[in-house]
Amino acid sequence: MSSIAPTTTPQEQALLTAARRGDEGAFGRLVEPRRGELHAHCYRMLGSTQDAEDALQEALIRAWRGLPRFEGRSSLRSWLYTIATNASLNLIARRPKRVLPMDYGPGADPHESPGEPVVESVWVEPYPDEQLGVADGYFAPEARYEQRESVELAFVAALQHLAPQQRAVLILREVLGFSAKEVAEALDTTVPGVNSALQRARKTIDDKLPEQSQQATLRTIDDGELREIVERYMEAMEQGNVEAMVGMLTEDATWSMPPLPRWYRGHEAIVGFLENFPFTVRWKHVPAHANGQVAVGCYAWDEDVLTLRDRKIAEVTAFIDADLFASFGLPAQLPE
């Protein structure tokens, strides 16, 4: 594949020559500039930061071992994407499908507790895009989705509904901008096969995505307004102010809490849930970012990723996992 970078630069060529002679340091310097984008690619494929790390490590091991076979007919970057894609496909075959609670079962009664965590890792996980360097804009002129748009929760969750081959085709074509011929070579299939898979994948994705992406929504809100929305959300949570919280939610808003399976839709259900559960606890919040969206780190429970629509909150996805905080540059504890 060669759409992203058609040639290997002289500096890359020098490092490549050294790496082929067994210089692991040269190999590290060769792949380090691409680590962030490759990690994001594996995350899109797998819906999990940990699975993405596993796939990336496997891909880098394969690349190191396969250097003698790299002939330079494509760019080094595109060769690495081919290896990372196939490493992700192998991992998909061994691990359960990732979903959000809304895909796992129906909405819960507001008086029902959120339930016990599902032991098996089945949840889409949040992604520290700013920590890992997901850039603004499109990856290539031929891409259909922006880089940050392609790691939004709704987009990543929709990807997990695709068959693995369709998922790989859509990401390589629509996010990374590779040609059908290049994708066919990477996946060891045919151009008609790629085009057919892409057509089916587009239909599924378009049916599952909201009308407007978070990137498009955020562009309609200036920085001051956005800070105010986040501050009002944090204040309402910390004060247990039901009226203020409801005023911030769309009528059809949802509230979910992976890895807990239950979720709630609409004002009545969310109010009942808040009064019976979260608002019985004291909270402190810190602004954050995840999946190209606004988020808050919540102490002492979880991290909430907010999905906005017309300056109101349409979804709160509260990831209940204190181990996530370090990935987002948040402290494990706040001072008293």
Protein backbone atom coordinates (compact mmCIF):
# COMPACT_ATOMS: atom_id res chain seq x y z
CA MET A 1 0.00 0.00 0.00
CA SER A 2 1.33 3.43 -0.78
CA SER A 3 -1.37 6.13 -0.58
CA ILE A 4 -0.10 7.71 2.64
CA ALA A 5 3.61 7.88 1.83
CA PRO A 6 4.65 6.51 -1.58
CA THR A 7 8.39 6.36 -0.90
CA THR A 8 10.82 5.59 1.89
CA THR A 9 12.89 8.68 2.82
CA PRO A 10 16.72 8.62 2.79
CA GLN A 11 16.78 8.79 6.59
CA GLU A 12 14.36 5.86 6.78
CA GLN A 13 16.47 3.97 4.27
CA ALA A 14 19.60 4.43 6.41
CA LEU A 15 17.79 3.21 9.53
CA LEU A 16 16.27 0.35 7.56
CA THR A 17 19.70 -0.76 6.37
CA ALA A 18 21.02 -0.70 9.92
CA ALA A 19 17.97 -2.54 11.25
CA ARG A 20 18.39 -5.28 8.66
CA ARG A 21 21.91 -5.77 10.02
CA GLY A 22 20.41 -6.48 13.45
CA ASP A 23 20.42 -2.99 14.98
CA GLU A 24 17.33 -3.01 17.23
CA GLY A 25 17.90 0.64 18.16
CA ALA A 26 17.66 1.64 14.51
CA PHE A 27 14.44 -0.35 14.18
CA GLY A 28 13.02 1.42 17.23
CA ARG A 29 13.83 4.85 15.75
CA LEU A 30 12.31 3.72 12.48
CA VAL A 31 8.92 2.76 13.91
CA GLU A 32 8.60 5.18 16.84
CA PRO A 33 7.21 8.12 14.76
CA ARG A 34 4.39 5.81 13.58
CA ARG A 35 3.57 4.16 16.90
CA GLY A 36 0.71 6.57 17.77
CA GLU A 37 -1.08 6.30 14.44
CA LEU A 38 -0.66 2.51 14.35
CA HIS A 39 -2.02 2.23 17.90
CA ALA A 40 -5.07 4.28 16.88
CA HIS A 41 -5.54 1.99 13.88
CA CYS A 42 -5.50 -1.11 16.09
CA TYR A 43 -7.95 0.60 18.48
CA ARG A 44 -10.41 1.25 15.65
CA MET A 45 -10.16 -2.41 14.69
CA LEU A 46 -10.50 -3.77 18.23
CA GLY A 47 -12.41 -1.19 20.32
CA SER A 48 -9.99 -1.67 23.24
CA THR A 49 -6.84 0.21 24.20
CA GLN A 50 -5.31 -2.89 25.81
CA ASP A 51 -6.14 -5.09 22.83
CA ALA A 52 -4.72 -2.38 20.56
CA GLU A 53 -1.48 -2.43 22.53
CA ASP A 54 -1.33 -6.23 22.27
CA ALA A 55 -1.94 -6.11 18.51
CA LEU A 56 0.63 -3.35 18.02
CA GLN A 57 3.28 -5.25 19.97
CA GLU A 58 2.59 -8.36 17.90
CA ALA A 59 2.80 -6.30 14.71
CA LEU A 60 6.14 -4.77 15.67
CA ILE A 61 7.57 -8.20 16.50
CA ARG A 62 6.41 -9.47 13.08
CA ALA A 63 7.87 -6.40 11.38
CA TRP A 64 11.24 -6.88 13.08
CA ARG A 65 11.34 -10.53 12.08
CA GLY A 66 10.11 -9.76 8.57
CA LEU A 67 12.56 -6.95 7.73
CA PRO A 68 14.67 -9.17 5.43
CA ARG A 69 11.55 -9.71 3.28
CA PHE A 70 10.66 -6.00 3.03
CA GLU A 71 11.74 -5.09 -0.51
CA GLY A 72 10.65 -1.45 -0.51
CA ARG A 73 8.06 -1.74 -3.28
CA SER A 74 5.69 0.14 -0.95
CA SER A 75 6.47 2.67 1.78
CA LEU A 76 7.59 1.44 5.17
CA ARG A 77 4.52 3.03 6.73
CA SER A 78 2.09 1.17 4.47
CA TRP A 79 3.97 -2.09 5.07
CA LEU A 80 3.55 -1.55 8.81
CA TYR A 81 -0.18 -0.85 8.37
CA THR A 82 -0.59 -4.14 6.52
CA ILE A 83 1.10 -6.03 9.36
CA ALA A 84 -0.88 -4.17 12.07
CA THR A 85 -4.18 -4.84 10.27
CA ASN A 86 -3.53 -8.55 10.04
CA ALA A 87 -2.34 -8.72 13.66
CA SER A 88 -5.63 -7.07 14.67
CA LEU A 89 -7.66 -9.51 12.56
CA ASN A 90 -5.93 -12.43 14.28
CA LEU A 91 -6.74 -10.95 17.69
CA ILE A 92 -10.40 -10.37 16.73
CA ALA A 93 -10.71 -14.08 16.01
CA ARG A 94 -9.59 -14.94 19.57
CA ARG A 95 -11.47 -12.35 21.64
CA PRO A 96 -15.14 -11.47 22.20
CA LYS A 97 -16.89 -8.71 20.28
CA ARG A 98 -16.71 -5.30 21.97
CA VAL A 99 -19.97 -3.39 22.53
CA LEU A 100 -21.48 -0.57 24.60
CA PRO A 101 -24.24 -1.38 27.12
CA MET A 102 -26.92 -0.11 24.70
CA ASP A 103 -25.96 -3.00 22.38
CA TYR A 104 -25.91 -5.51 25.23
CA GLY A 105 -29.52 -5.35 26.40
CA PRO A 106 -32.61 -3.11 26.84
CA GLY A 107 -32.71 0.02 28.99
CA ALA A 108 -33.15 -0.57 32.72
CA ASP A 109 -35.82 0.50 35.20
CA PRO A 110 -34.56 3.62 37.05
CA HIS A 111 -34.98 1.88 40.41
CA GLU A 112 -32.80 -1.05 39.32
CA SER A 113 -29.18 -0.86 40.38
CA PRO A 114 -26.60 -0.71 37.57
CA GLY A 115 -25.89 -4.38 38.26
CA GLU A 116 -22.67 -6.30 38.73
CA PRO A 117 -19.78 -5.87 36.29
CA VAL A 118 -19.77 -8.31 33.39
CA VAL A 119 -16.66 -10.36 34.10
CA GLU A 120 -15.77 -11.04 30.47
CA SER A 121 -14.19 -8.09 28.65
CA VAL A 122 -16.94 -7.22 26.19
CA TRP A 123 -16.98 -3.43 26.38
CA VAL A 124 -15.69 -0.80 24.01
CA GLU A 125 -13.07 1.15 25.99
CA PRO A 126 -12.31 4.90 26.00
CA TYR A 127 -9.34 6.12 24.00
CA PRO A 128 -6.80 8.76 25.16
CA ASP A 129 -6.51 10.42 21.75
CA GLU A 130 -4.68 13.50 23.03
CA GLN A 131 -2.17 11.42 25.00
CA LEU A 132 -1.43 9.24 21.96
CA GLY A 133 -1.39 12.01 19.39
CA VAL A 134 -4.47 11.56 17.17
CA ALA A 135 -4.31 14.62 14.94
CA ASP A 136 -7.02 16.92 13.58
CA GLY A 137 -8.18 16.69 9.97
CA TYR A 138 -8.17 13.86 7.46
CA PHE A 139 -5.45 11.25 7.18
CA ALA A 140 -5.41 11.39 3.37
CA PRO A 141 -7.26 13.32 0.64
CA GLU A 142 -9.28 10.19 -0.23
CA ALA A 143 -10.46 9.62 3.37
CA ARG A 144 -14.17 9.95 4.20
CA TYR A 145 -13.80 10.31 7.99
CA GLU A 146 -11.61 12.68 9.99
CA GLN A 147 -8.93 11.21 12.26
CA ARG A 148 -10.62 12.30 15.49
CA GLU A 149 -14.05 11.38 14.14
CA SER A 150 -12.73 7.86 13.52
CA VAL A 151 -11.99 7.33 17.24
CA GLU A 152 -15.28 8.75 18.54
CA LEU A 153 -17.18 6.30 20.73
CA ALA A 154 -20.15 6.09 18.34
CA PHE A 155 -17.89 5.37 15.36
CA VAL A 156 -15.75 2.77 17.12
CA ALA A 157 -18.83 1.06 18.58
CA ALA A 158 -20.41 0.97 15.09
CA LEU A 159 -17.25 -0.57 13.64
CA GLN A 160 -17.52 -3.49 16.06
CA HIS A 161 -20.81 -4.52 14.37
CA LEU A 162 -18.98 -5.17 11.11
CA ALA A 163 -17.52 -8.51 10.11
CA PRO A 164 -13.73 -8.34 10.64
CA GLN A 165 -12.86 -8.15 6.94
CA GLN A 166 -15.47 -5.44 6.34
CA ARG A 167 -14.10 -3.52 9.33
CA ALA A 168 -10.57 -3.64 7.97
CA VAL A 169 -11.70 -2.61 4.48
CA LEU A 170 -13.72 0.37 5.73
CA ILE A 171 -10.91 1.65 7.97
CA LEU A 172 -8.22 1.25 5.33
CA ARG A 173 -10.35 2.85 2.60
CA GLU A 174 -12.47 5.46 4.41
CA VAL A 175 -10.23 6.47 7.34
CA LEU A 176 -6.72 5.98 5.92
CA GLY A 177 -7.51 6.63 2.25
CA PHE A 178 -5.85 3.61 0.64
CA SER A 179 -7.02 2.52 -2.81
CA ALA A 180 -9.09 -0.62 -3.41
CA LYS A 181 -6.06 -2.23 -5.11
CA GLU A 182 -3.80 -1.50 -2.15
CA VAL A 183 -6.36 -2.85 0.33
CA ALA A 184 -6.84 -5.99 -1.75
CA GLU A 185 -3.09 -6.62 -1.62
CA ALA A 186 -2.95 -6.01 2.14
CA LEU A 187 -5.83 -8.39 2.87
CA ASP A 188 -4.94 -10.97 0.21
CA THR A 189 -8.23 -10.59 -1.65
CA THR A 190 -9.51 -9.03 -4.89
CA VAL A 191 -10.55 -5.51 -5.83
CA PRO A 192 -14.18 -6.63 -6.45
CA GLY A 193 -14.10 -8.31 -3.03
CA VAL A 194 -12.88 -5.07 -1.40
CA ASN A 195 -15.55 -2.99 -3.17
CA SER A 196 -18.31 -5.41 -2.16
CA ALA A 197 -17.15 -5.47 1.48
CA LEU A 198 -16.95 -1.67 1.52
CA GLN A 199 -20.50 -1.30 0.18
CA ARG A 200 -21.90 -3.57 2.89
CA ALA A 201 -19.81 -1.91 5.60
CA ARG A 202 -20.93 1.59 4.60
CA LYS A 203 -24.59 0.63 4.92
CA THR A 204 -24.12 -0.79 8.43
CA ILE A 205 -22.05 2.18 9.61
CA ASP A 206 -24.41 4.79 8.14
CA ASP A 207 -27.38 3.09 9.83
CA LYS A 208 -25.69 3.15 13.24
CA LEU A 209 -24.00 6.54 13.32
CA PRO A 210 -25.79 9.68 14.56
CA GLU A 211 -26.68 12.35 12.01
CA GLN A 212 -23.78 14.54 13.11
CA SER A 213 -20.37 13.52 14.42
CA GLN A 214 -18.94 14.97 17.62
CA GLN A 215 -16.28 16.76 15.58
CA ALA A 216 -18.97 18.55 13.56
CA THR A 217 -20.88 19.34 16.76
CA LEU A 218 -17.80 20.67 18.57
CA ARG A 219 -17.04 23.01 15.66
CA THR A 220 -20.38 24.76 16.29
CA ILE A 221 -19.46 25.43 19.94
CA ASP A 222 -16.71 27.88 20.84
CA ASP A 223 -14.18 27.08 23.55
CA GLY A 224 -15.89 29.28 26.12
CA GLU A 225 -19.27 27.60 25.62
CA LEU A 226 -17.67 24.17 25.76
CA ARG A 227 -15.94 24.95 29.06
CA GLU A 228 -19.26 26.20 30.43
CA ILE A 229 -21.05 22.97 29.45
CA VAL A 230 -18.38 20.85 31.16
CA GLU A 231 -18.33 23.08 34.25
CA ARG A 232 -22.13 23.01 34.57
CA TYR A 233 -22.09 19.21 34.27
CA MET A 234 -19.42 18.87 36.95
CA GLU A 235 -21.22 21.33 39.23
CA ALA A 236 -24.58 19.55 38.87
CA MET A 237 -22.96 16.19 39.67
CA GLU A 238 -21.02 17.52 42.66
CA GLN A 239 -24.08 19.30 44.09
CA GLY A 240 -26.49 16.45 43.35
CA ASN A 241 -28.64 18.98 41.47
CA VAL A 242 -31.23 16.94 39.58
CA GLU A 243 -32.95 19.94 37.99
CA ALA A 244 -29.68 21.36 36.65
CA MET A 245 -28.65 17.97 35.27
CA VAL A 246 -31.99 17.39 33.51
CA GLY A 247 -31.73 20.84 31.97
CA MET A 248 -28.51 19.77 30.30
CA LEU A 249 -29.84 16.53 28.80
CA THR A 250 -31.62 15.92 25.52
CA GLU A 251 -35.06 14.27 25.85
CA ASP A 252 -33.71 10.95 24.59
CA ALA A 253 -30.39 11.08 26.48
CA THR A 254 -28.79 7.82 27.60
CA TRP A 255 -26.59 7.04 30.60
CA SER A 256 -24.43 3.91 30.68
CA MET A 257 -21.62 2.65 32.92
CA PRO A 258 -19.35 -0.02 31.44
CA PRO A 259 -18.49 -2.60 32.76
CA LEU A 260 -21.92 -2.52 34.45
CA PRO A 261 -24.50 -3.89 32.00
CA ARG A 262 -27.54 -1.71 32.77
CA TRP A 263 -28.20 1.64 31.15
CA TYR A 264 -30.96 4.26 31.25
CA ARG A 265 -32.75 6.35 28.60
CA GLY A 266 -34.76 9.58 28.92
CA HIS A 267 -35.23 12.12 31.69
CA GLU A 268 -37.45 10.02 33.96
CA ALA A 269 -35.20 6.97 33.92
CA ILE A 270 -31.99 8.98 34.35
CA VAL A 271 -33.44 11.07 37.21
CA GLY A 272 -34.56 7.94 39.04
CA PHE A 273 -31.13 6.39 38.56
CA LEU A 274 -29.28 9.52 39.71
CA GLU A 275 -31.41 9.98 42.82
CA ASN A 276 -31.13 6.33 43.82
CA PHE A 277 -27.45 5.78 43.08
CA PRO A 278 -24.87 8.43 42.00
CA PHE A 279 -26.40 11.29 43.97
CA THR A 280 -26.08 9.29 47.18
CA VAL A 281 -22.28 9.68 46.82
CA ARG A 282 -20.06 12.80 46.99
CA TRP A 283 -18.20 13.64 43.75
CA LYS A 284 -15.29 15.67 42.50
CA HIS A 285 -14.51 16.10 38.81
CA VAL A 286 -11.61 17.09 36.56
CA PRO A 287 -12.02 18.07 32.87
CA ALA A 288 -10.46 15.64 30.37
CA HIS A 289 -10.68 14.47 26.75
CA ALA A 290 -11.37 11.01 25.32
CA ASN A 291 -12.20 9.66 21.87
CA GLY A 292 -12.02 13.14 20.36
CA GLN A 293 -14.79 14.21 22.76
CA VAL A 294 -15.10 16.18 25.98
CA ALA A 295 -14.85 14.05 29.12
CA VAL A 296 -14.45 14.39 32.87
CA GLY A 297 -12.52 12.31 35.36
CA CYS A 298 -14.86 11.49 38.25
CA TYR A 299 -13.61 10.90 41.78
CA ALA A 300 -14.18 8.52 43.40
CA TRP A 301 -15.90 6.38 40.79
CA ASP A 302 -15.21 6.62 37.07
CA GLU A 303 -14.51 8.64 33.94
CA ASP A 304 -17.47 10.09 32.02
CA VAL A 305 -17.32 10.65 28.25
CA LEU A 306 -19.94 13.19 27.16
CA THR A 307 -21.64 13.09 23.74
CA LEU A 308 -23.18 16.45 22.81
CA ARG A 309 -26.06 17.37 20.52
CA ASP A 310 -27.10 21.00 19.96
CA ARG A 311 -25.26 22.13 23.12
CA LYS A 312 -27.02 19.50 25.24
CA ILE A 313 -25.77 16.14 26.48
CA ALA A 314 -27.16 13.23 24.47
CA GLU A 315 -25.06 10.46 26.04
CA VAL A 316 -23.07 9.99 29.22
CA THR A 317 -20.80 6.95 29.05
CA ALA A 318 -19.27 6.47 32.49
CA PHE A 319 -16.32 4.09 32.38
CA ILE A 320 -15.95 2.60 35.85
CA ASP A 321 -12.28 1.73 35.97
CA ALA A 322 -9.80 3.69 38.07
CA ASP A 323 -6.94 2.12 36.12
CA LEU A 324 -7.94 4.26 33.12
CA PHE A 325 -6.97 7.52 34.80
CA ALA A 326 -3.23 7.28 34.17
CA SER A 327 -3.84 6.78 30.43
CA PHE A 328 -5.63 10.13 30.31
CA GLY A 329 -3.02 12.02 32.33
CA LEU A 330 -5.29 12.19 35.39
CA PRO A 331 -4.08 11.69 38.98
CA ALA A 332 -5.16 8.50 40.77
CA GLN A 333 -6.45 10.62 43.67
CA LEU A 334 -7.29 14.26 44.29
CA PRO A 335 -6.08 16.06 47.42
CA GLU A 336 -8.65 16.41 50.19
